[in-house]
Amino acid sequence: MPELIIKYRNNRTLQLLTNLAKYFDFEVTPTIGIGKSNESLQDIPLVAGDSSINVDDLTRIFTGKNLDAQNLRKESWTRS
């Protein structure tokens, strides 16, 4: 089912959408606090990144290699 995110300021808007959902065959699933580390989005835990990690070594390895994620998946994840 396609999804749509609606941002609202008034709780009456949520109540209205919930009431309309009964008649127009859609569901209202509230998501609270997207982007907070202790919340989840569709059962996927969100974890805040660690800014203290040094990725300079990885930059040197991968810079200038002309790598494409789609080609890497095709080549590396195929069954033998």
PDB file of N, CA and C in Angstrom:
ATOM      1  N   MET A   1       0.846  -1.168   0.000  1.00  0.00           N
ATOM      2  CA  MET A   1       0.000   0.000   0.000  1.00  0.00           C
ATOM      3  C   MET A   1       0.895   1.236   0.000  1.00  0.00           C
ATOM      4  N   PRO A   2       0.626   2.218  -0.836  1.00  0.00           N
ATOM      5  CA  PRO A   2       1.411   3.459  -0.827  1.00  0.00           C
ATOM      6  C   PRO A   2       1.253   4.188   0.508  1.00  0.00           C
ATOM      7  N   GLU A   3       2.263   4.959   0.862  1.00  0.00           N
ATOM      8  CA  GLU A   3       2.247   5.677   2.125  1.00  0.00           C
ATOM      9  C   GLU A   3       2.349   7.172   1.883  1.00  0.00           C
ATOM     10  N   LEU A   4       1.796   7.929   2.826  1.00  0.00           N
ATOM     11  CA  LEU A   4       1.838   9.375   2.783  1.00  0.00           C
ATOM     12  C   LEU A   4       2.046   9.872   4.204  1.00  0.00           C
ATOM     13  N   ILE A   5       2.970  10.782   4.387  1.00  0.00           N
ATOM     14  CA  ILE A   5       3.204  11.356   5.705  1.00  0.00           C
ATOM     15  C   ILE A   5       2.571  12.737   5.736  1.00  0.00           C
ATOM     16  N   ILE A   6       1.719  12.963   6.723  1.00  0.00           N
ATOM     17  CA  ILE A   6       1.040  14.244   6.887  1.00  0.00           C
ATOM     18  C   ILE A   6       1.510  14.844   8.195  1.00  0.00           C
ATOM     19  N   LYS A   7       2.014  16.071   8.129  1.00  0.00           N
ATOM     20  CA  LYS A   7       2.430  16.779   9.331  1.00  0.00           C
ATOM     21  C   LYS A   7       1.304  17.727   9.725  1.00  0.00           C
ATOM     22  N   TYR A   8       0.978  17.753  11.004  1.00  0.00           N
ATOM     23  CA  TYR A   8      -0.119  18.584  11.475  1.00  0.00           C
ATOM     24  C   TYR A   8       0.269  19.245  12.784  1.00  0.00           C
ATOM     25  N   ARG A   9      -0.399  20.343  13.095  1.00  0.00           N
ATOM     26  CA  ARG A   9      -0.096  21.079  14.322  1.00  0.00           C
ATOM     27  C   ARG A   9      -1.146  20.857  15.397  1.00  0.00           C
ATOM     28  N   ASN A  10      -2.356  20.560  15.018  1.00  0.00           N
ATOM     29  CA  ASN A  10      -3.467  20.488  15.950  1.00  0.00           C
ATOM     30  C   ASN A  10      -3.912  19.034  16.102  1.00  0.00           C
ATOM     31  N   ASN A  11      -4.133  18.575  17.317  1.00  0.00           N
ATOM     32  CA  ASN A  11      -4.576  17.198  17.539  1.00  0.00           C
ATOM     33  C   ASN A  11      -5.965  16.949  16.967  1.00  0.00           C
ATOM     34  N   ARG A  12      -6.735  17.991  16.759  1.00  0.00           N
ATOM     35  CA  ARG A  12      -8.051  17.827  16.134  1.00  0.00           C
ATOM     36  C   ARG A  12      -7.908  17.325  14.698  1.00  0.00           C
ATOM     37  N   THR A  13      -6.818  17.704  14.048  1.00  0.00           N
ATOM     38  CA  THR A  13      -6.561  17.227  12.687  1.00  0.00           C
ATOM     39  C   THR A  13      -6.380  15.716  12.678  1.00  0.00           C
ATOM     40  N   LEU A  14      -5.637  15.192  13.636  1.00  0.00           N
ATOM     41  CA  LEU A  14      -5.461  13.745  13.735  1.00  0.00           C
ATOM     42  C   LEU A  14      -6.794  13.056  13.980  1.00  0.00           C
ATOM     43  N   GLN A  15      -7.609  13.623  14.838  1.00  0.00           N
ATOM     44  CA  GLN A  15      -8.930  13.053  15.110  1.00  0.00           C
ATOM     45  C   GLN A  15      -9.776  13.037  13.851  1.00  0.00           C
ATOM     46  N   LEU A  16      -9.736  14.126  13.070  1.00  0.00           N
ATOM     47  CA  LEU A  16     -10.488  14.200  11.819  1.00  0.00           C
ATOM     48  C   LEU A  16     -10.006  13.136  10.830  1.00  0.00           C
ATOM     49  N   LEU A  17      -8.688  13.001  10.684  1.00  0.00           N
ATOM     50  CA  LEU A  17      -8.144  11.996   9.768  1.00  0.00           C
ATOM     51  C   LEU A  17      -8.515  10.582  10.206  1.00  0.00           C
ATOM     52  N   THR A  18      -8.501  10.340  11.487  1.00  0.00           N
ATOM     53  CA  THR A  18      -8.885   9.021  12.006  1.00  0.00           C
ATOM     54  C   THR A  18     -10.347   8.725  11.690  1.00  0.00           C
ATOM     55  N   ASN A  19     -11.202   9.732  11.842  1.00  0.00           N
ATOM     56  CA  ASN A  19     -12.618   9.535  11.519  1.00  0.00           C
ATOM     57  C   ASN A  19     -12.832   9.330  10.023  1.00  0.00           C
ATOM     58  N   LEU A  20     -12.107  10.072   9.200  1.00  0.00           N
ATOM     59  CA  LEU A  20     -12.233   9.910   7.746  1.00  0.00           C
ATOM     60  C   LEU A  20     -11.724   8.548   7.280  1.00  0.00           C
ATOM     61  N   ALA A  21     -10.739   8.001   7.977  1.00  0.00           N
ATOM     62  CA  ALA A  21     -10.170   6.716   7.591  1.00  0.00           C
ATOM     63  C   ALA A  21     -11.211   5.607   7.622  1.00  0.00           C
ATOM     64  N   LYS A  22     -12.191   5.719   8.493  1.00  0.00           N
ATOM     65  CA  LYS A  22     -13.239   4.701   8.590  1.00  0.00           C
ATOM     66  C   LYS A  22     -14.070   4.649   7.310  1.00  0.00           C
ATOM     67  N   TYR A  23     -14.225   5.795   6.648  1.00  0.00           N
ATOM     68  CA  TYR A  23     -15.115   5.876   5.490  1.00  0.00           C
ATOM     69  C   TYR A  23     -14.389   5.774   4.150  1.00  0.00           C
ATOM     70  N   PHE A  24     -13.108   6.134   4.101  1.00  0.00           N
ATOM     71  CA  PHE A  24     -12.398   6.192   2.827  1.00  0.00           C
ATOM     72  C   PHE A  24     -11.322   5.126   2.675  1.00  0.00           C
ATOM     73  N   ASP A  25     -11.348   4.078   3.466  1.00  0.00           N
ATOM     74  CA  ASP A  25     -10.475   2.917   3.320  1.00  0.00           C
ATOM     75  C   ASP A  25      -8.991   3.278   3.324  1.00  0.00           C
ATOM     76  N   PHE A  26      -8.547   3.986   4.355  1.00  0.00           N
ATOM     77  CA  PHE A  26      -7.124   4.171   4.592  1.00  0.00           C
ATOM     78  C   PHE A  26      -6.888   4.060   6.087  1.00  0.00           C
ATOM     79  N   GLU A  27      -5.639   3.874   6.460  1.00  0.00           N
ATOM     80  CA  GLU A  27      -5.330   3.724   7.873  1.00  0.00           C
ATOM     81  C   GLU A  27      -4.420   4.849   8.339  1.00  0.00           C
ATOM     82  N   VAL A  28      -4.573   5.204   9.584  1.00  0.00           N
ATOM     83  CA  VAL A  28      -3.754   6.239  10.205  1.00  0.00           C
ATOM     84  C   VAL A  28      -2.826   5.558  11.191  1.00  0.00           C
ATOM     85  N   THR A  29      -1.524   5.693  10.947  1.00  0.00           N
ATOM     86  CA  THR A  29      -0.522   5.113  11.818  1.00  0.00           C
ATOM     87  C   THR A  29       0.392   6.239  12.284  1.00  0.00           C
ATOM     88  N   PRO A  30       0.217   6.692  13.516  1.00  0.00           N
ATOM     89  CA  PRO A  30       1.062   7.801  13.971  1.00  0.00           C
ATOM     90  C   PRO A  30       2.499   7.358  14.191  1.00  0.00           C
ATOM     91  N   THR A  31       3.445   8.188  13.773  1.00  0.00           N
ATOM     92  CA  THR A  31       4.863   7.972  14.039  1.00  0.00           C
ATOM     93  C   THR A  31       5.309   9.113  14.926  1.00  0.00           C
ATOM     94  N   ILE A  32       5.925   8.772  16.037  1.00  0.00           N
ATOM     95  CA  ILE A  32       6.304   9.774  17.030  1.00  0.00           C
ATOM     96  C   ILE A  32       7.815   9.822  17.123  1.00  0.00           C
ATOM     97  N   GLY A  33       8.377  11.007  17.001  1.00  0.00           N
ATOM     98  CA  GLY A  33       9.803  11.202  17.254  1.00  0.00           C
ATOM     99  C   GLY A  33      10.725  10.587  16.235  1.00  0.00           C
ATOM    100  N   ILE A  34      10.427  10.700  14.955  1.00  0.00           N
ATOM    101  CA  ILE A  34      11.334  10.166  13.945  1.00  0.00           C
ATOM    102  C   ILE A  34      12.666  10.890  14.067  1.00  0.00           C
ATOM    103  N   GLY A  35      13.736  10.141  14.097  1.00  0.00           N
ATOM    104  CA  GLY A  35      15.058  10.720  14.197  1.00  0.00           C
ATOM    105  C   GLY A  35      15.647  10.652  15.595  1.00  0.00           C
ATOM    106  N   LYS A  36      14.875  10.279  16.585  1.00  0.00           N
ATOM    107  CA  LYS A  36      15.417  10.123  17.930  1.00  0.00           C
ATOM    108  C   LYS A  36      15.986   8.718  18.062  1.00  0.00           C
ATOM    109  N   SER A  37      17.064   8.589  18.793  1.00  0.00           N
ATOM    110  CA  SER A  37      17.759   7.303  18.853  1.00  0.00           C
ATOM    111  C   SER A  37      16.971   6.226  19.586  1.00  0.00           C
ATOM    112  N   ASN A  38      16.060   6.594  20.471  1.00  0.00           N
ATOM    113  CA  ASN A  38      15.342   5.571  21.218  1.00  0.00           C
ATOM    114  C   ASN A  38      13.974   5.263  20.618  1.00  0.00           C
ATOM    115  N   GLU A  39      13.666   5.813  19.492  1.00  0.00           N
ATOM    116  CA  GLU A  39      12.392   5.551  18.818  1.00  0.00           C
ATOM    117  C   GLU A  39      12.636   4.614  17.642  1.00  0.00           C
ATOM    118  N   SER A  40      11.572   4.157  17.005  1.00  0.00           N
ATOM    119  CA  SER A  40      11.728   3.306  15.834  1.00  0.00           C
ATOM    120  C   SER A  40      10.792   3.785  14.739  1.00  0.00           C
ATOM    121  N   LEU A  41      11.118   3.448  13.528  1.00  0.00           N
ATOM    122  CA  LEU A  41      10.335   3.795  12.357  1.00  0.00           C
ATOM    123  C   LEU A  41       9.981   2.490  11.661  1.00  0.00           C
ATOM    124  N   GLN A  42       8.695   2.126  11.700  1.00  0.00           N
ATOM    125  CA  GLN A  42       8.235   0.886  11.071  1.00  0.00           C
ATOM    126  C   GLN A  42       9.022  -0.319  11.593  1.00  0.00           C
ATOM    127  N   ASP A  43       9.217  -0.417  12.895  1.00  0.00           N
ATOM    128  CA  ASP A  43       9.910  -1.532  13.563  1.00  0.00           C
ATOM    129  C   ASP A  43      11.396  -1.626  13.232  1.00  0.00           C
ATOM    130  N   ILE A  44      11.982  -0.556  12.708  1.00  0.00           N
ATOM    131  CA  ILE A  44      13.419  -0.517  12.445  1.00  0.00           C
ATOM    132  C   ILE A  44      14.022   0.442  13.456  1.00  0.00           C
ATOM    133  N   PRO A  45      14.895  -0.038  14.335  1.00  0.00           N
ATOM    134  CA  PRO A  45      15.455   0.864  15.338  1.00  0.00           C
ATOM    135  C   PRO A  45      16.353   1.912  14.698  1.00  0.00           C
ATOM    136  N   LEU A  46      16.239   3.146  15.166  1.00  0.00           N
ATOM    137  CA  LEU A  46      17.089   4.231  14.697  1.00  0.00           C
ATOM    138  C   LEU A  46      18.186   4.456  15.717  1.00  0.00           C
ATOM    139  N   VAL A  47      19.425   4.422  15.267  1.00  0.00           N
ATOM    140  CA  VAL A  47      20.562   4.577  16.155  1.00  0.00           C
ATOM    141  C   VAL A  47      21.332   5.814  15.717  1.00  0.00           C
ATOM    142  N   ALA A  48      21.626   6.675  16.654  1.00  0.00           N
ATOM    143  CA  ALA A  48      22.384   7.885  16.338  1.00  0.00           C
ATOM    144  C   ALA A  48      23.808   7.513  15.949  1.00  0.00           C
ATOM    145  N   GLY A  49      24.362   8.215  14.963  1.00  0.00           N
ATOM    146  CA  GLY A  49      25.716   7.944  14.504  1.00  0.00           C
ATOM    147  C   GLY A  49      26.755   8.433  15.508  1.00  0.00           C
ATOM    148  N   ASP A  50      27.929   7.837  15.468  1.00  0.00           N
ATOM    149  CA  ASP A  50      29.020   8.214  16.356  1.00  0.00           C
ATOM    150  C   ASP A  50      29.971   9.106  15.570  1.00  0.00           C
ATOM    151  N   SER A  51      29.980  10.402  15.888  1.00  0.00           N
ATOM    152  CA  SER A  51      30.798  11.346  15.128  1.00  0.00           C
ATOM    153  C   SER A  51      32.281  11.253  15.469  1.00  0.00           C
ATOM    154  N   SER A  52      32.633  10.462  16.470  1.00  0.00           N
ATOM    155  CA  SER A  52      34.038  10.361  16.854  1.00  0.00           C
ATOM    156  C   SER A  52      34.806   9.337  16.010  1.00  0.00           C
ATOM    157  N   ILE A  53      34.119   8.602  15.155  1.00  0.00           N
ATOM    158  CA  ILE A  53      34.776   7.583  14.334  1.00  0.00           C
ATOM    159  C   ILE A  53      35.536   8.261  13.191  1.00  0.00           C
ATOM    160  N   ASN A  54      36.786   7.882  13.001  1.00  0.00           N
ATOM    161  CA  ASN A  54      37.629   8.443  11.954  1.00  0.00           C
ATOM    162  C   ASN A  54      37.521   7.563  10.708  1.00  0.00           C
ATOM    163  N   VAL A  55      37.026   8.130   9.620  1.00  0.00           N
ATOM    164  CA  VAL A  55      36.841   7.366   8.380  1.00  0.00           C
ATOM    165  C   VAL A  55      37.857   7.756   7.306  1.00  0.00           C
ATOM    166  N   ASP A  56      38.946   8.424   7.697  1.00  0.00           N
ATOM    167  CA  ASP A  56      39.957   8.848   6.728  1.00  0.00           C
ATOM    168  C   ASP A  56      40.578   7.665   5.987  1.00  0.00           C
ATOM    169  N   ASP A  57      40.809   6.562   6.691  1.00  0.00           N
ATOM    170  CA  ASP A  57      41.393   5.384   6.040  1.00  0.00           C
ATOM    171  C   ASP A  57      40.460   4.844   4.960  1.00  0.00           C
ATOM    172  N   LEU A  58      39.163   4.821   5.241  1.00  0.00           N
ATOM    173  CA  LEU A  58      38.203   4.347   4.245  1.00  0.00           C
ATOM    174  C   LEU A  58      38.140   5.291   3.046  1.00  0.00           C
ATOM    175  N   THR A  59      38.253   6.573   3.286  1.00  0.00           N
ATOM    176  CA  THR A  59      38.232   7.547   2.199  1.00  0.00           C
ATOM    177  C   THR A  59      39.392   7.291   1.246  1.00  0.00           C
ATOM    178  N   ARG A  60      40.566   7.040   1.788  1.00  0.00           N
ATOM    179  CA  ARG A  60      41.726   6.765   0.943  1.00  0.00           C
ATOM    180  C   ARG A  60      41.537   5.478   0.135  1.00  0.00           C
ATOM    181  N   ILE A  61      40.889   4.486   0.710  1.00  0.00           N
ATOM    182  CA  ILE A  61      40.693   3.208   0.020  1.00  0.00           C
ATOM    183  C   ILE A  61      39.726   3.346  -1.144  1.00  0.00           C
ATOM    184  N   PHE A  62      38.618   4.062  -0.946  1.00  0.00           N
ATOM    185  CA  PHE A  62      37.543   4.072  -1.929  1.00  0.00           C
ATOM    186  C   PHE A  62      37.552   5.270  -2.878  1.00  0.00           C
ATOM    187  N   THR A  63      38.332   6.298  -2.622  1.00  0.00           N
ATOM    188  CA  THR A  63      38.344   7.477  -3.482  1.00  0.00           C
ATOM    189  C   THR A  63      39.014   7.143  -4.814  1.00  0.00           C
ATOM    190  N   GLY A  64      38.382   7.549  -5.901  1.00  0.00           N
ATOM    191  CA  GLY A  64      38.944   7.359  -7.233  1.00  0.00           C
ATOM    192  C   GLY A  64      38.780   5.966  -7.803  1.00  0.00           C
ATOM    193  N   LYS A  65      38.016   5.108  -7.173  1.00  0.00           N
ATOM    194  CA  LYS A  65      37.838   3.737  -7.653  1.00  0.00           C
ATOM    195  C   LYS A  65      36.684   3.611  -8.633  1.00  0.00           C
ATOM    196  N   ASN A  66      35.862   4.662  -8.776  1.00  0.00           N
ATOM    197  CA  ASN A  66      34.722   4.653  -9.686  1.00  0.00           C
ATOM    198  C   ASN A  66      33.807   3.454  -9.394  1.00  0.00           C
ATOM    199  N   LEU A  67      33.446   3.298  -8.130  1.00  0.00           N
ATOM    200  CA  LEU A  67      32.602   2.195  -7.703  1.00  0.00           C
ATOM    201  C   LEU A  67      31.133   2.575  -7.813  1.00  0.00           C
ATOM    202  N   ASP A  68      30.323   1.614  -8.203  1.00  0.00           N
ATOM    203  CA  ASP A  68      28.889   1.813  -8.335  1.00  0.00           C
ATOM    204  C   ASP A  68      28.193   0.773  -7.460  1.00  0.00           C
ATOM    205  N   ALA A  69      27.297   1.220  -6.583  1.00  0.00           N
ATOM    206  CA  ALA A  69      26.637   0.306  -5.650  1.00  0.00           C
ATOM    207  C   ALA A  69      25.864  -0.792  -6.384  1.00  0.00           C
ATOM    208  N   GLN A  70      25.215  -0.466  -7.469  1.00  0.00           N
ATOM    209  CA  GLN A  70      24.438  -1.466  -8.205  1.00  0.00           C
ATOM    210  C   GLN A  70      25.354  -2.551  -8.773  1.00  0.00           C
ATOM    211  N   ASN A  71      26.479  -2.161  -9.346  1.00  0.00           N
ATOM    212  CA  ASN A  71      27.412  -3.157  -9.884  1.00  0.00           C
ATOM    213  C   ASN A  71      28.033  -3.991  -8.769  1.00  0.00           C
ATOM    214  N   LEU A  72      28.345  -3.372  -7.629  1.00  0.00           N
ATOM    215  CA  LEU A  72      28.886  -4.142  -6.514  1.00  0.00           C
ATOM    216  C   LEU A  72      27.900  -5.202  -6.041  1.00  0.00           C
ATOM    217  N   ARG A  73      26.622  -4.849  -5.962  1.00  0.00           N
ATOM    218  CA  ARG A  73      25.621  -5.838  -5.543  1.00  0.00           C
ATOM    219  C   ARG A  73      25.532  -6.980  -6.547  1.00  0.00           C
ATOM    220  N   LYS A  74      25.547  -6.670  -7.825  1.00  0.00           N
ATOM    221  CA  LYS A  74      25.452  -7.709  -8.857  1.00  0.00           C
ATOM    222  C   LYS A  74      26.650  -8.659  -8.809  1.00  0.00           C
ATOM    223  N   GLU A  75      27.824  -8.091  -8.647  1.00  0.00           N
ATOM    224  CA  GLU A  75      29.047  -8.900  -8.674  1.00  0.00           C
ATOM    225  C   GLU A  75      29.290  -9.649  -7.370  1.00  0.00           C
ATOM    226  N   SER A  76      29.035  -9.005  -6.253  1.00  0.00           N
ATOM    227  CA  SER A  76      29.414  -9.581  -4.964  1.00  0.00           C
ATOM    228  C   SER A  76      28.337 -10.442  -4.334  1.00  0.00           C
ATOM    229  N   TRP A  77      27.094 -10.176  -4.601  1.00  0.00           N
ATOM    230  CA  TRP A  77      26.021 -10.872  -3.906  1.00  0.00           C
ATOM    231  C   TRP A  77      25.357 -11.959  -4.745  1.00  0.00           C
ATOM    232  N   THR A  78      25.988 -12.359  -5.828  1.00  0.00           N
ATOM    233  CA  THR A  78      25.406 -13.421  -6.639  1.00  0.00           C
ATOM    234  C   THR A  78      25.783 -14.776  -6.060  1.00  0.00           C
ATOM    235  N   ARG A  79      24.900 -15.734  -6.244  1.00  0.00           N
ATOM    236  CA  ARG A  79      25.171 -17.082  -5.766  1.00  0.00           C
ATOM    237  C   ARG A  79      26.114 -17.798  -6.708  1.00  0.00           C
ATOM    238  N   SER A  80      26.955 -18.621  -6.145  1.00  0.00           N
ATOM    239  CA  SER A  80      27.931 -19.364  -6.959  1.00  0.00           C
ATOM    240  C   SER A  80      27.346 -20.655  -7.456  1.00  0.00           C
TER     241      SER A  80
END
